[in-house]
Amino acid sequence: MMKYIAKEGYFSIGLIVFLIIFFWILNGFSFVLFLALLIFLFIFRNPNRILICHDKKAILSPIDGQIIQIENTFRKDFGECIEISIANSFCNAGSFYAPFEMNIDEVKYKYGLFIDKGFQNLNFLKEKISINAVSNSSKIILEIYAGNLGRKLRLDNISHGLKVGDRLGFLIDGKIKLVLPKNIRIQAGLGDEIKSGSLLGYLI
């Protein structure tokens, strides 16, 4: 059972199960608590994902969601690049994973507000984790933004060297942005609904 539930939900689900048993002993079955249990089981579900591409230069989706941005841009610390943003909603599974093999150089935490993912112009106010890494000799950045239903952002105990599909953490109603070299081949489109492990493109 535990492997089908993200570890971030263990405490909340365990507490609700305890309350269901406690109230059942005192007053009988509580439909409200049972409904709450179903909701939490849905939020913290952890479906098994099968990687559809094993090419070392493939860029896979780190999380379930919708592609809301594919943009050519320029960053002082990166140069010319392409940003791909994937919004994760309440209805999507929240576990997120390494989208490619990468060696992590730096992880930065920025504490902030839990604002709806739709407010793109308020990204600077949001709680965020930035992962600076290298994949296939290319510099890449993963930015994880908290959503309005999120709690404090946390990563798993990750090592400096990650394999594609290694679990990174859990996100509710947030957004993940991939900052990639400009010379990539994109295989997905704006507005696409995707699952973690789906092909986004290739590093060249």
N, C-alpha and C. Protein backbone atom coordinates (compact mmCIF):
# COMPACT_ATOMS: atom_id res chain seq x y z
N MET A 1 0.84 -1.22 0.00
CA MET A 1 0.00 0.00 0.00
C MET A 1 0.86 1.26 0.00
N MET A 2 1.95 1.26 0.83
CA MET A 2 2.77 2.45 0.98
C MET A 2 3.42 2.88 -0.33
N LYS A 3 3.77 1.93 -1.19
CA LYS A 3 4.45 2.32 -2.43
C LYS A 3 3.51 3.04 -3.38
N TYR A 4 2.20 2.95 -3.15
CA TYR A 4 1.23 3.65 -3.98
C TYR A 4 0.87 5.03 -3.43
N ILE A 5 1.43 5.37 -2.25
CA ILE A 5 1.17 6.64 -1.61
C ILE A 5 2.50 7.37 -1.42
N ALA A 6 2.57 8.65 -1.80
CA ALA A 6 3.78 9.44 -1.59
C ALA A 6 4.03 9.60 -0.10
N LYS A 7 5.29 9.54 0.29
CA LYS A 7 5.62 9.57 1.72
C LYS A 7 5.19 10.87 2.39
N GLU A 8 5.04 11.94 1.60
CA GLU A 8 4.59 13.22 2.16
C GLU A 8 3.17 13.13 2.72
N GLY A 9 2.42 12.10 2.32
CA GLY A 9 1.05 11.96 2.80
C GLY A 9 0.87 11.00 3.95
N TYR A 10 1.95 10.34 4.38
CA TYR A 10 1.83 9.32 5.42
C TYR A 10 1.19 9.87 6.70
N PHE A 11 1.70 11.02 7.17
CA PHE A 11 1.21 11.56 8.44
C PHE A 11 -0.27 11.94 8.35
N SER A 12 -0.63 12.70 7.30
CA SER A 12 -2.02 13.17 7.17
C SER A 12 -2.99 12.00 7.04
N ILE A 13 -2.63 11.02 6.21
CA ILE A 13 -3.51 9.87 6.01
C ILE A 13 -3.59 9.02 7.27
N GLY A 14 -2.45 8.84 7.93
CA GLY A 14 -2.45 8.08 9.18
C GLY A 14 -3.31 8.74 10.24
N LEU A 15 -3.26 10.07 10.32
CA LEU A 15 -4.07 10.80 11.29
C LEU A 15 -5.56 10.63 11.01
N ILE A 16 -5.95 10.72 9.75
CA ILE A 16 -7.37 10.57 9.39
C ILE A 16 -7.85 9.15 9.70
N VAL A 17 -7.03 8.15 9.41
CA VAL A 17 -7.40 6.76 9.72
C VAL A 17 -7.60 6.60 11.22
N PHE A 18 -6.71 7.20 12.01
CA PHE A 18 -6.86 7.15 13.47
C PHE A 18 -8.17 7.79 13.92
N LEU A 19 -8.49 8.96 13.34
CA LEU A 19 -9.73 9.66 13.71
C LEU A 19 -10.96 8.86 13.30
N ILE A 20 -10.91 8.21 12.14
CA ILE A 20 -12.03 7.37 11.71
C ILE A 20 -12.29 6.26 12.71
N ILE A 21 -11.22 5.58 13.13
CA ILE A 21 -11.35 4.49 14.10
C ILE A 21 -11.86 5.02 15.43
N PHE A 22 -11.28 6.18 15.88
CA PHE A 22 -11.64 6.77 17.17
C PHE A 22 -13.13 7.14 17.21
N PHE A 23 -13.60 7.84 16.16
CA PHE A 23 -15.00 8.26 16.13
C PHE A 23 -15.94 7.07 15.91
N TRP A 24 -15.45 6.06 15.21
CA TRP A 24 -16.26 4.86 15.01
C TRP A 24 -16.54 4.17 16.35
N ILE A 25 -15.51 4.12 17.19
CA ILE A 25 -15.67 3.51 18.51
C ILE A 25 -16.63 4.32 19.37
N LEU A 26 -16.55 5.66 19.28
CA LEU A 26 -17.38 6.52 20.13
C LEU A 26 -18.80 6.71 19.60
N ASN A 27 -18.91 7.07 18.30
CA ASN A 27 -20.21 7.47 17.77
C ASN A 27 -20.66 6.72 16.52
N GLY A 28 -19.82 5.84 16.00
CA GLY A 28 -20.16 5.17 14.77
C GLY A 28 -19.39 5.75 13.58
N PHE A 29 -19.71 5.27 12.41
CA PHE A 29 -18.98 5.63 11.20
C PHE A 29 -19.18 7.11 10.85
N SER A 30 -18.08 7.80 10.48
CA SER A 30 -18.13 9.21 10.06
C SER A 30 -17.92 9.30 8.56
N PHE A 31 -18.97 9.67 7.83
CA PHE A 31 -18.87 9.81 6.38
C PHE A 31 -17.94 10.95 6.00
N VAL A 32 -17.94 12.03 6.79
CA VAL A 32 -17.08 13.20 6.50
C VAL A 32 -15.61 12.81 6.56
N LEU A 33 -15.22 12.09 7.60
CA LEU A 33 -13.83 11.66 7.73
C LEU A 33 -13.45 10.67 6.64
N PHE A 34 -14.39 9.80 6.28
CA PHE A 34 -14.11 8.84 5.20
C PHE A 34 -13.91 9.57 3.88
N LEU A 35 -14.72 10.62 3.63
CA LEU A 35 -14.56 11.42 2.42
C LEU A 35 -13.21 12.13 2.42
N ALA A 36 -12.81 12.65 3.60
CA ALA A 36 -11.50 13.30 3.72
C ALA A 36 -10.38 12.31 3.43
N LEU A 37 -10.54 11.07 3.88
CA LEU A 37 -9.53 10.04 3.61
C LEU A 37 -9.40 9.79 2.11
N LEU A 38 -10.52 9.70 1.41
CA LEU A 38 -10.49 9.48 -0.04
C LEU A 38 -9.79 10.64 -0.75
N ILE A 39 -10.07 11.86 -0.30
CA ILE A 39 -9.44 13.04 -0.92
C ILE A 39 -7.93 13.01 -0.72
N PHE A 40 -7.49 12.68 0.49
CA PHE A 40 -6.05 12.65 0.76
C PHE A 40 -5.37 11.49 0.03
N LEU A 41 -6.05 10.37 -0.09
CA LEU A 41 -5.49 9.26 -0.86
C LEU A 41 -5.33 9.66 -2.33
N PHE A 42 -6.28 10.46 -2.84
CA PHE A 42 -6.20 10.93 -4.22
C PHE A 42 -5.05 11.93 -4.39
N ILE A 43 -4.92 12.88 -3.46
CA ILE A 43 -3.88 13.91 -3.56
C ILE A 43 -2.49 13.29 -3.50
N PHE A 44 -2.29 12.34 -2.60
CA PHE A 44 -0.95 11.80 -2.36
C PHE A 44 -0.72 10.46 -3.07
N ARG A 45 -1.52 10.17 -4.09
CA ARG A 45 -1.30 8.93 -4.83
C ARG A 45 0.07 8.99 -5.52
N ASN A 46 0.66 7.84 -5.71
CA ASN A 46 2.01 7.75 -6.27
C ASN A 46 2.02 6.69 -7.37
N PRO A 47 1.45 7.00 -8.55
CA PRO A 47 1.35 5.99 -9.62
C PRO A 47 2.72 5.58 -10.13
N ASN A 48 2.83 4.34 -10.53
CA ASN A 48 4.08 3.84 -11.09
C ASN A 48 4.21 4.33 -12.53
N ARG A 49 5.33 5.01 -12.82
CA ARG A 49 5.56 5.53 -14.16
C ARG A 49 6.63 4.71 -14.87
N ILE A 50 6.40 4.40 -16.14
CA ILE A 50 7.37 3.68 -16.96
C ILE A 50 7.97 4.67 -17.95
N LEU A 51 9.29 4.82 -17.93
CA LEU A 51 9.95 5.75 -18.84
C LEU A 51 9.77 5.26 -20.28
N ILE A 52 9.33 6.18 -21.16
CA ILE A 52 9.05 5.78 -22.54
C ILE A 52 10.26 5.97 -23.45
N CYS A 53 11.32 6.61 -22.94
CA CYS A 53 12.50 6.85 -23.76
C CYS A 53 13.74 6.71 -22.90
N HIS A 54 14.72 5.96 -23.37
CA HIS A 54 15.94 5.72 -22.60
C HIS A 54 17.16 6.34 -23.28
N ASP A 55 16.92 7.22 -24.26
CA ASP A 55 18.02 7.94 -24.90
C ASP A 55 18.67 8.87 -23.87
N LYS A 56 19.99 8.86 -23.76
CA LYS A 56 20.69 9.65 -22.75
C LYS A 56 20.53 11.15 -22.97
N LYS A 57 20.18 11.56 -24.20
CA LYS A 57 19.99 12.98 -24.48
C LYS A 57 18.52 13.40 -24.43
N ALA A 58 17.65 12.47 -24.06
CA ALA A 58 16.22 12.78 -24.00
C ALA A 58 15.92 13.68 -22.80
N ILE A 59 14.97 14.59 -22.99
CA ILE A 59 14.45 15.43 -21.91
C ILE A 59 13.04 14.94 -21.61
N LEU A 60 12.83 14.41 -20.40
CA LEU A 60 11.53 13.87 -20.03
C LEU A 60 10.81 14.83 -19.09
N SER A 61 9.51 14.73 -19.07
CA SER A 61 8.75 15.57 -18.15
C SER A 61 9.02 15.15 -16.71
N PRO A 62 9.33 16.11 -15.83
CA PRO A 62 9.59 15.75 -14.43
C PRO A 62 8.33 15.49 -13.61
N ILE A 63 7.16 15.90 -14.14
CA ILE A 63 5.94 15.84 -13.33
C ILE A 63 4.72 15.77 -14.25
N ASP A 64 3.59 15.30 -13.70
CA ASP A 64 2.32 15.35 -14.42
C ASP A 64 1.85 16.81 -14.51
N GLY A 65 1.23 17.18 -15.63
CA GLY A 65 0.69 18.53 -15.71
C GLY A 65 0.47 18.99 -17.13
N GLN A 66 0.40 20.29 -17.30
CA GLN A 66 0.18 20.91 -18.60
C GLN A 66 1.33 21.86 -18.92
N ILE A 67 1.81 21.82 -20.17
CA ILE A 67 2.85 22.74 -20.60
C ILE A 67 2.22 24.11 -20.80
N ILE A 68 2.64 25.10 -20.01
CA ILE A 68 2.04 26.43 -20.07
C ILE A 68 3.00 27.46 -20.66
N GLN A 69 4.25 27.07 -20.90
CA GLN A 69 5.21 28.02 -21.46
C GLN A 69 6.31 27.28 -22.21
N ILE A 70 6.59 27.72 -23.43
CA ILE A 70 7.79 27.35 -24.18
C ILE A 70 8.30 28.65 -24.77
N GLU A 71 9.42 29.13 -24.27
CA GLU A 71 9.83 30.49 -24.62
C GLU A 71 11.34 30.59 -24.79
N ASN A 72 11.75 31.26 -25.86
CA ASN A 72 13.15 31.64 -26.02
C ASN A 72 13.41 32.87 -25.17
N THR A 73 14.47 32.83 -24.39
CA THR A 73 14.75 33.96 -23.50
C THR A 73 16.25 34.10 -23.27
N PHE A 74 16.63 35.09 -22.50
CA PHE A 74 18.04 35.32 -22.18
C PHE A 74 18.17 35.53 -20.68
N ARG A 75 19.15 34.85 -20.09
CA ARG A 75 19.44 35.02 -18.67
C ARG A 75 20.90 35.41 -18.49
N LYS A 76 21.14 36.32 -17.56
CA LYS A 76 22.51 36.77 -17.33
C LYS A 76 23.42 35.62 -16.91
N ASP A 77 22.89 34.70 -16.11
CA ASP A 77 23.71 33.61 -15.58
C ASP A 77 23.72 32.38 -16.49
N PHE A 78 23.05 32.49 -17.63
CA PHE A 78 22.88 31.31 -18.49
C PHE A 78 23.14 31.62 -19.97
N GLY A 79 22.77 32.81 -20.39
CA GLY A 79 22.85 33.16 -21.80
C GLY A 79 21.52 32.87 -22.49
N GLU A 80 21.57 32.67 -23.81
CA GLU A 80 20.36 32.34 -24.55
C GLU A 80 19.89 30.94 -24.18
N CYS A 81 18.60 30.80 -23.96
CA CYS A 81 18.07 29.52 -23.49
C CYS A 81 16.61 29.38 -23.87
N ILE A 82 16.08 28.20 -23.63
CA ILE A 82 14.65 27.92 -23.80
C ILE A 82 14.08 27.51 -22.45
N GLU A 83 12.97 28.14 -22.09
CA GLU A 83 12.30 27.80 -20.84
C GLU A 83 11.02 27.02 -21.15
N ILE A 84 10.87 25.89 -20.49
CA ILE A 84 9.65 25.08 -20.60
C ILE A 84 9.04 24.97 -19.22
N SER A 85 7.82 25.46 -19.05
CA SER A 85 7.14 25.43 -17.75
C SER A 85 5.99 24.44 -17.78
N ILE A 86 5.92 23.63 -16.74
CA ILE A 86 4.85 22.63 -16.60
C ILE A 86 4.09 22.91 -15.31
N ALA A 87 2.80 23.18 -15.44
CA ALA A 87 1.95 23.46 -14.29
C ALA A 87 1.30 22.18 -13.81
N ASN A 88 1.41 21.93 -12.52
CA ASN A 88 0.82 20.76 -11.88
C ASN A 88 -0.39 21.21 -11.09
N SER A 89 -1.53 20.57 -11.29
CA SER A 89 -2.74 20.97 -10.59
C SER A 89 -3.12 19.96 -9.51
N PHE A 90 -4.16 20.31 -8.78
CA PHE A 90 -4.69 19.44 -7.73
C PHE A 90 -5.04 18.05 -8.26
N CYS A 91 -5.45 17.98 -9.52
CA CYS A 91 -5.89 16.71 -10.10
C CYS A 91 -4.73 15.83 -10.57
N ASN A 92 -3.51 16.39 -10.64
CA ASN A 92 -2.36 15.62 -11.10
C ASN A 92 -1.61 14.99 -9.94
N ALA A 93 -0.95 13.85 -10.20
CA ALA A 93 -0.06 13.26 -9.21
C ALA A 93 1.09 14.23 -8.96
N GLY A 94 1.51 14.35 -7.71
CA GLY A 94 2.45 15.41 -7.34
C GLY A 94 3.91 15.02 -7.24
N SER A 95 4.25 13.73 -7.29
CA SER A 95 5.66 13.34 -7.21
C SER A 95 6.39 13.83 -8.46
N PHE A 96 7.60 14.37 -8.28
CA PHE A 96 8.37 14.80 -9.44
C PHE A 96 9.76 14.18 -9.41
N TYR A 97 10.34 14.05 -10.62
CA TYR A 97 11.52 13.22 -10.82
C TYR A 97 12.57 13.93 -11.67
N ALA A 98 13.78 13.40 -11.66
CA ALA A 98 14.84 13.93 -12.52
C ALA A 98 14.47 13.69 -13.98
N PRO A 99 14.44 14.74 -14.81
CA PRO A 99 14.03 14.58 -16.21
C PRO A 99 15.13 14.07 -17.12
N PHE A 100 16.35 13.96 -16.61
CA PHE A 100 17.48 13.43 -17.37
C PHE A 100 18.60 13.15 -16.37
N GLU A 101 19.62 12.44 -16.81
CA GLU A 101 20.79 12.24 -15.96
C GLU A 101 21.46 13.59 -15.74
N MET A 102 21.80 13.90 -14.49
CA MET A 102 22.42 15.20 -14.25
C MET A 102 23.30 15.16 -13.01
N ASN A 103 24.35 15.96 -13.08
CA ASN A 103 25.25 16.16 -11.94
C ASN A 103 24.94 17.52 -11.34
N ILE A 104 24.51 17.53 -10.09
CA ILE A 104 24.06 18.75 -9.44
C ILE A 104 25.25 19.58 -8.95
N ASP A 105 25.26 20.86 -9.34
CA ASP A 105 26.30 21.78 -8.87
C ASP A 105 25.85 22.56 -7.64
N GLU A 106 24.56 22.95 -7.63
CA GLU A 106 24.09 23.82 -6.55
C GLU A 106 22.58 23.71 -6.43
N VAL A 107 22.11 23.76 -5.18
CA VAL A 107 20.67 23.81 -4.90
C VAL A 107 20.40 25.06 -4.07
N LYS A 108 19.50 25.93 -4.56
CA LYS A 108 19.18 27.17 -3.88
C LYS A 108 17.73 27.16 -3.43
N TYR A 109 17.50 27.53 -2.16
CA TYR A 109 16.16 27.64 -1.61
C TYR A 109 15.81 29.13 -1.47
N LYS A 110 14.64 29.51 -1.95
CA LYS A 110 14.15 30.87 -1.77
C LYS A 110 12.79 30.81 -1.09
N TYR A 111 12.72 31.31 0.13
CA TYR A 111 11.47 31.28 0.86
C TYR A 111 10.57 32.41 0.38
N GLY A 112 9.28 32.13 0.28
CA GLY A 112 8.37 33.14 -0.23
C GLY A 112 6.93 32.78 0.02
N LEU A 113 6.05 33.26 -0.85
CA LEU A 113 4.62 33.08 -0.70
C LEU A 113 4.12 31.90 -1.52
N PHE A 114 2.97 31.38 -1.13
CA PHE A 114 2.32 30.30 -1.87
C PHE A 114 1.20 30.94 -2.70
N ILE A 115 1.54 31.22 -3.95
CA ILE A 115 0.64 31.96 -4.85
C ILE A 115 0.24 31.05 -6.00
N ASP A 116 -0.97 31.25 -6.51
CA ASP A 116 -1.46 30.44 -7.62
C ASP A 116 -0.47 30.46 -8.78
N LYS A 117 -0.28 29.30 -9.40
CA LYS A 117 0.69 29.15 -10.48
C LYS A 117 0.36 30.01 -11.70
N GLY A 118 -0.88 30.46 -11.82
CA GLY A 118 -1.28 31.26 -12.96
C GLY A 118 -0.70 32.67 -12.96
N PHE A 119 -0.24 33.14 -11.80
CA PHE A 119 0.31 34.49 -11.71
C PHE A 119 1.79 34.47 -12.06
N GLN A 120 2.08 34.44 -13.38
CA GLN A 120 3.46 34.34 -13.86
C GLN A 120 4.28 35.55 -13.45
N ASN A 121 3.67 36.72 -13.42
CA ASN A 121 4.41 37.94 -13.12
C ASN A 121 4.76 38.06 -11.64
N LEU A 122 4.28 37.13 -10.81
CA LEU A 122 4.60 37.16 -9.38
C LEU A 122 5.55 36.03 -8.99
N ASN A 123 6.24 35.47 -9.98
CA ASN A 123 7.18 34.38 -9.69
C ASN A 123 8.24 34.80 -8.67
N PHE A 124 8.63 36.07 -8.69
CA PHE A 124 9.69 36.53 -7.79
C PHE A 124 9.25 36.52 -6.33
N LEU A 125 7.94 36.44 -6.07
CA LEU A 125 7.43 36.39 -4.70
C LEU A 125 7.22 34.96 -4.19
N LYS A 126 7.26 33.99 -5.09
CA LYS A 126 6.89 32.63 -4.72
C LYS A 126 8.04 31.88 -4.06
N GLU A 127 7.67 30.93 -3.20
CA GLU A 127 8.68 30.02 -2.66
C GLU A 127 9.20 29.16 -3.80
N LYS A 128 10.53 28.99 -3.84
CA LYS A 128 11.14 28.36 -5.01
C LYS A 128 12.39 27.59 -4.62
N ILE A 129 12.63 26.51 -5.34
CA ILE A 129 13.89 25.78 -5.26
C ILE A 129 14.50 25.77 -6.65
N SER A 130 15.77 26.15 -6.75
CA SER A 130 16.50 26.11 -8.02
C SER A 130 17.59 25.05 -7.94
N ILE A 131 17.63 24.19 -8.93
CA ILE A 131 18.66 23.15 -9.01
C ILE A 131 19.52 23.44 -10.23
N ASN A 132 20.76 23.82 -10.01
CA ASN A 132 21.71 24.05 -11.10
C ASN A 132 22.50 22.77 -11.32
N ALA A 133 22.53 22.30 -12.56
CA ALA A 133 23.16 21.01 -12.83
C ALA A 133 23.75 20.97 -14.22
N VAL A 134 24.45 19.88 -14.52
CA VAL A 134 25.03 19.63 -15.84
C VAL A 134 24.52 18.29 -16.33
N SER A 135 24.07 18.24 -17.59
CA SER A 135 23.62 17.00 -18.21
C SER A 135 24.20 16.92 -19.61
N ASN A 136 24.91 15.83 -19.89
CA ASN A 136 25.54 15.67 -21.21
C ASN A 136 26.36 16.90 -21.61
N SER A 137 27.13 17.40 -20.64
CA SER A 137 28.01 18.57 -20.83
C SER A 137 27.24 19.86 -21.04
N SER A 138 25.92 19.85 -20.89
CA SER A 138 25.11 21.06 -21.05
C SER A 138 24.63 21.55 -19.67
N LYS A 139 24.71 22.85 -19.47
CA LYS A 139 24.21 23.43 -18.24
C LYS A 139 22.69 23.51 -18.29
N ILE A 140 22.03 23.10 -17.22
CA ILE A 140 20.56 23.16 -17.14
C ILE A 140 20.15 23.66 -15.75
N ILE A 141 18.95 24.18 -15.66
CA ILE A 141 18.40 24.63 -14.38
C ILE A 141 16.98 24.09 -14.25
N LEU A 142 16.66 23.56 -13.08
CA LEU A 142 15.29 23.19 -12.73
C LEU A 142 14.82 24.15 -11.64
N GLU A 143 13.67 24.80 -11.88
CA GLU A 143 13.10 25.69 -10.89
C GLU A 143 11.74 25.14 -10.47
N ILE A 144 11.58 24.89 -9.17
CA ILE A 144 10.33 24.35 -8.63
C ILE A 144 9.63 25.45 -7.85
N TYR A 145 8.42 25.82 -8.28
CA TYR A 145 7.66 26.90 -7.64
C TYR A 145 6.49 26.30 -6.86
N ALA A 146 6.31 26.77 -5.64
CA ALA A 146 5.17 26.33 -4.83
C ALA A 146 3.88 26.94 -5.36
N GLY A 147 2.78 26.20 -5.22
CA GLY A 147 1.46 26.70 -5.59
C GLY A 147 0.69 27.14 -4.37
N ASN A 148 -0.54 27.62 -4.56
CA ASN A 148 -1.32 28.13 -3.44
C ASN A 148 -1.83 27.04 -2.51
N LEU A 149 -1.80 25.77 -2.95
CA LEU A 149 -2.21 24.67 -2.07
C LEU A 149 -1.02 23.98 -1.44
N GLY A 150 0.17 24.46 -1.74
CA GLY A 150 1.37 23.80 -1.26
C GLY A 150 1.70 24.12 0.18
N ARG A 151 2.65 23.36 0.67
CA ARG A 151 3.25 23.65 1.96
C ARG A 151 4.71 23.96 1.69
N LYS A 152 5.52 23.99 2.72
CA LYS A 152 6.94 24.28 2.54
C LYS A 152 7.56 23.33 1.52
N LEU A 153 8.28 23.88 0.55
CA LEU A 153 8.93 23.06 -0.45
C LEU A 153 10.10 22.30 0.16
N ARG A 154 10.17 21.02 -0.18
CA ARG A 154 11.29 20.19 0.28
C ARG A 154 11.70 19.26 -0.84
N LEU A 155 12.98 18.93 -0.87
CA LEU A 155 13.48 17.93 -1.79
C LEU A 155 13.80 16.66 -1.02
N ASP A 156 13.79 15.53 -1.71
CA ASP A 156 14.29 14.30 -1.11
C ASP A 156 15.78 14.45 -0.85
N ASN A 157 16.34 13.50 -0.13
CA ASN A 157 17.79 13.50 0.12
C ASN A 157 18.49 13.06 -1.16
N ILE A 158 18.72 14.02 -2.06
CA ILE A 158 19.27 13.70 -3.36
C ILE A 158 20.79 13.79 -3.34
N SER A 159 21.43 12.99 -4.18
CA SER A 159 22.88 13.02 -4.29
C SER A 159 23.28 13.98 -5.42
N HIS A 160 24.57 14.17 -5.61
CA HIS A 160 25.04 15.08 -6.65
C HIS A 160 24.86 14.47 -8.04
N GLY A 161 24.87 13.15 -8.13
CA GLY A 161 24.66 12.49 -9.41
C GLY A 161 23.32 11.80 -9.45
N LEU A 162 22.43 12.24 -10.35
CA LEU A 162 21.09 11.68 -10.44
C LEU A 162 20.89 10.96 -11.76
N LYS A 163 20.20 9.84 -11.69
CA LYS A 163 19.80 9.13 -12.90
C LYS A 163 18.42 9.61 -13.33
N VAL A 164 18.12 9.47 -14.61
CA VAL A 164 16.80 9.85 -15.08
C VAL A 164 15.74 9.04 -14.34
N GLY A 165 14.71 9.71 -13.85
CA GLY A 165 13.64 9.03 -13.12
C GLY A 165 13.85 8.97 -11.63
N ASP A 166 14.99 9.41 -11.10
CA ASP A 166 15.19 9.46 -9.65
C ASP A 166 14.22 10.46 -9.05
N ARG A 167 13.61 10.09 -7.94
CA ARG A 167 12.61 10.96 -7.32
C ARG A 167 13.27 12.17 -6.69
N LEU A 168 12.67 13.36 -6.91
CA LEU A 168 13.20 14.59 -6.35
C LEU A 168 12.35 15.13 -5.21
N GLY A 169 11.03 14.92 -5.26
CA GLY A 169 10.19 15.47 -4.22
C GLY A 169 8.72 15.40 -4.58
N PHE A 170 7.92 16.28 -3.95
CA PHE A 170 6.47 16.26 -4.13
C PHE A 170 5.97 17.70 -4.22
N LEU A 171 4.98 17.92 -5.09
CA LEU A 171 4.48 19.26 -5.35
C LEU A 171 2.96 19.20 -5.52
N ILE A 172 2.25 20.11 -4.84
CA ILE A 172 0.80 20.21 -5.01
C ILE A 172 0.48 21.55 -5.64
N ASP A 173 -0.15 21.52 -6.81
CA ASP A 173 -0.64 22.74 -7.45
C ASP A 173 0.47 23.77 -7.66
N GLY A 174 1.62 23.33 -8.13
CA GLY A 174 2.73 24.24 -8.36
C GLY A 174 3.18 24.21 -9.80
N LYS A 175 4.45 24.54 -10.02
CA LYS A 175 4.99 24.64 -11.37
C LYS A 175 6.46 24.26 -11.35
N ILE A 176 6.90 23.57 -12.40
CA ILE A 176 8.31 23.28 -12.59
C ILE A 176 8.75 23.88 -13.93
N LYS A 177 9.83 24.64 -13.88
CA LYS A 177 10.38 25.26 -15.09
C LYS A 177 11.73 24.63 -15.40
N LEU A 178 11.91 24.19 -16.64
CA LEU A 178 13.18 23.70 -17.12
C LEU A 178 13.85 24.78 -17.95
N VAL A 179 15.05 25.18 -17.56
CA VAL A 179 15.84 26.15 -18.31
C VAL A 179 16.91 25.36 -19.04
N LEU A 180 16.83 25.36 -20.38
CA LEU A 180 17.63 24.46 -21.20
C LEU A 180 18.43 25.23 -22.25
N PRO A 181 19.51 24.63 -22.77
CA PRO A 181 20.27 25.28 -23.85
C PRO A 181 19.37 25.55 -25.05
N LYS A 182 19.72 26.58 -25.81
CA LYS A 182 18.88 26.98 -26.93
C LYS A 182 18.83 25.92 -28.02
N ASN A 183 19.93 25.18 -28.17
CA ASN A 183 20.00 24.20 -29.28
C ASN A 183 19.44 22.85 -28.84
N ILE A 184 18.14 22.82 -28.54
CA ILE A 184 17.47 21.56 -28.22
C ILE A 184 16.38 21.31 -29.26
N ARG A 185 15.98 20.08 -29.36
CA ARG A 185 14.90 19.70 -30.29
C ARG A 185 13.67 19.37 -29.45
N ILE A 186 12.65 20.20 -29.55
CA ILE A 186 11.45 20.05 -28.73
C ILE A 186 10.44 19.15 -29.43
N GLN A 187 9.88 18.20 -28.69
CA GLN A 187 8.91 17.25 -29.24
C GLN A 187 7.52 17.42 -28.65
N ALA A 188 7.33 18.43 -27.82
CA ALA A 188 6.03 18.67 -27.19
C ALA A 188 5.56 20.07 -27.54
N GLY A 189 4.27 20.34 -27.31
CA GLY A 189 3.71 21.63 -27.68
C GLY A 189 3.03 22.34 -26.53
N LEU A 190 2.87 23.64 -26.68
CA LEU A 190 2.18 24.45 -25.69
C LEU A 190 0.76 23.94 -25.48
N GLY A 191 0.36 23.78 -24.22
CA GLY A 191 -0.98 23.30 -23.90
C GLY A 191 -1.11 21.80 -23.78
N ASP A 192 -0.04 21.05 -24.11
CA ASP A 192 -0.10 19.59 -24.02
C ASP A 192 -0.26 19.13 -22.56
N GLU A 193 -1.14 18.16 -22.35
CA GLU A 193 -1.27 17.50 -21.05
C GLU A 193 -0.32 16.30 -21.05
N ILE A 194 0.59 16.25 -20.10
CA ILE A 194 1.63 15.23 -20.11
C ILE A 194 1.73 14.55 -18.75
N LYS A 195 2.38 13.39 -18.75
CA LYS A 195 2.67 12.65 -17.53
C LYS A 195 4.17 12.67 -17.27
N SER A 196 4.55 12.47 -16.02
CA SER A 196 5.97 12.40 -15.71
C SER A 196 6.57 11.24 -16.50
N GLY A 197 7.73 11.48 -17.11
CA GLY A 197 8.37 10.46 -17.95
C GLY A 197 8.04 10.61 -19.41
N SER A 198 7.09 11.50 -19.77
CA SER A 198 6.76 11.76 -21.17
C SER A 198 7.91 12.51 -21.84
N LEU A 199 8.08 12.31 -23.13
CA LEU A 199 9.17 12.95 -23.87
C LEU A 199 8.84 14.42 -24.16
N LEU A 200 9.79 15.31 -23.77
CA LEU A 200 9.66 16.73 -24.08
C LEU A 200 10.55 17.13 -25.26
N GLY A 201 11.71 16.47 -25.40
CA GLY A 201 12.63 16.82 -26.47
C GLY A 201 13.98 16.16 -26.27
N TYR A 202 14.98 16.67 -26.99
CA TYR A 202 16.33 16.09 -26.93
C TYR A 202 17.37 17.20 -26.81
N LEU A 203 18.38 16.96 -25.98
CA LEU A 203 19.56 17.81 -25.97
C LEU A 203 20.39 17.49 -27.21
N ILE A 204 20.95 18.50 -27.83
CA ILE A 204 21.74 18.26 -29.04
C ILE A 204 23.23 18.47 -28.72
